[in-house]
Amino acid sequence: MRDRSGPTLEAERWVSTASMPTICCCLRPGEDRRLLTEWLDANGYEPVVSAPDELSSTSFDCCLVDLPSLRDGESALRDVRTTRDGIVPCLLIAGGDADETLSRLPRSVAAVVTDVLGTPLRTTVLRRRLENALSLRQLTMALVGNRERYRRLVEGTPAAVFLLTDGDITDSNDAAERLVGRDPEEMDGERFVRLFTEPDRDRIDRLLSELSGPEPTEFVEASMIGRDRSVPVELAATAIRDHADHALSDPVADDTPGSGFTSDVQVVVHDASRRKAREEQLRLYRRAIDAATIGITISNPSLPDNPLVYVNEEFERLTGRSREEILGRNPRVLQCPDSDPETIAQLREAIDAGEPVSVEILNERADGSRWYNALEVTPIYGPGGDVEYFLGFQRDVTNRREREIRLTVLDRVLRHNLRNRLNVVLGHVNEIEDGSDDIEFHTGRIRSAAESLLSLSDAARRFRSVLKERRADDGPIRLDREVANTVDALRNVNQQAAIETRLQPVTVRSGAGLTVAVEELVSNALAHCDRDPEVVVTVRRTDDEAVLSVADNGPGIPEAERRALSGDEETPIDHASGLGLWLVQWVVDDAGGSVTYDDNDPRGSIVTLRVPIVSDDAPR
């Protein structure tokens, strides 16, 4: 039963909050219990072993129990469910069909069971059920209570009852005494409306005077005067039929049909303080969810096609879709033709099974832009154990995915180039060791390879620096000035090179280092030219773009390296030795631009960068 696959996602999520979920093993002693606790310990959970009579004093997040222990610990498990915060799931391990197992149990015993695990246990099933149970526990602990739970609480609270005659208090119960903080004798004979704050007195007086039949009034809200504060309450009044007594006290009383009511009135008053506080708490939860920095959705699988019934503001921002546009539609509307079919299948399988799932999926915004969504979906169960809703959390992890791809490219290119250069070094060392006469030739080749490695190391340093310092909110720069400064610096280092500039003033967003891209292109043109280098750097503006081009008279960029300007990933057979071209491509991407490659006339290459203009700097 031992599983070596490591901690589960759910266990890792608990670990990340500085604690592991505690799983109580309330099972008969034996080999099965030992193997189960070992598996739990090896998979990121904290197992504890408890006897049935120790459950009430044992702290845990989920309980695994067999049938004998369930019967012996029924009372303790019921106490755990009713006295502890949130739902504490109880998973019954038993043979046979789950529904049949539950149906054979007494109702009081079955009521404490959250789920049934059939035997023999499979670790994959156990893991899913534990994650499901722990997600339920976390959700109920985070969203403390709801309106239905609060209603049951109010219904179970004894109400205050006042008996009135002609509007005066003639009797009241203990709950009324607690509500207003006064002795019943002290309230006897007092006008009932005087128990309320001034703004509510006329309204309560009208409510009582308009009673005309045996039906109680609707509950209305008001504020009563307590011992040291006003108390929000709900009250309803009922006229009391007492025809015989009324006739004795008033011989001329009206005895027509529909009458026969004394002036006695019974008023039932509920303390609404807790409900008001809970409603305020729910409003706070709603505001907190609406303002959360991750996308939050709720869908209803009981409706056709499991439509969204709630989305928060961050979800609207992430997707570029308004509530009005997205509510009532299935979340799959976010997917695009390039979304991974296996990820979609994994998501669909988990939802169909009513199980939690975490995936990263490519989505498309309303404007057509793509983003990677770190999606978590958790089922929310109703009282009957059926999935009533699915709770979804969305985070934009596009930047992280791009960074991972780029670091993977860097690793592959470095390994490829290091291996090639070292093979060159080793080959010439072997020639020297074999007694070659042309030592100067071989040492020159070794030196060239070493210098190439140093250049590669410097390029890799710049590459990592740009990735590390990448910021989406980098400020605007005057591209023409930055290019002029960069070219001046290169002229100082390469005084024999002819570098011409044709620059128009234009401002762009710098992205992750647009000036680094310019330096890389010009340096590359100078370094690889096989004759006296001639480089022309041009900056011009169109209506909405800055166009920067670097033209040279060198041998041109090899086809293998050109693919670096158009490919999305570096593949093992397409290693581009020009690491700088990857750097150029991605810093321009970060600036919201594009890169193209053309041949120069009569020879050489032209690399053109196009980036959006962010302000108008044209001469006036």
Foldseek 3Di string as FASTA:
>chain_A
DADQPEADPLLVVQVVVVDGFEEEEQEDDDDVSVVVCNNQVRHNHHYDYDHLVCLLVDDGQEYEYEDVRLVSNLVSLVVCQPPDQAGRAYEYEEADDFVVVLVPDPPSSSLSHQYYAHPPHDVVVVVQVVSQSNVRRVVCNVVPDDDVVVVVVQVPDDWKKFKDAPQATQFIDPNVCVFAVHDRVVRGRPRPLLQFDPVCSVVVVVLLVPAQAQDKDAWDWGWGHHPPHIFIKTKIKGFDQDQVVVCVVPVPDDPDPSDRTHSMMMMIMGGCVVVVVVVVVVVVVVVCQQPPQWKKWKFFPVDPQGATQDIHPNVCVVQVHDPVRRGPHHPCLFADPPWDPVQVVVVVVCVVVQTKDWDWIWGAHPVGDIFIWGKIWHFHADSVSDGGMIMMITDTCRLVVLLVQLVVLLVLLLVVLVVVLVVLLVVLVVCVVVPDPPNVVSVVSNVVSVVLNVVSVVLSVVLVQLSVQFDLCAAKDFVQVLLVVLVVVVCVVVVQAAEAEAEFTFIFGQGSHLSLLSNLVVVVQCVQAPDRKHWYWYWDDDPWKIKIKIWIAGQEDDPLQQVLQPDSHADNVSRHNSSSNVVNNVSLVRRVWHWDKDADPPGTIMIMIIGTTDDDPHDD
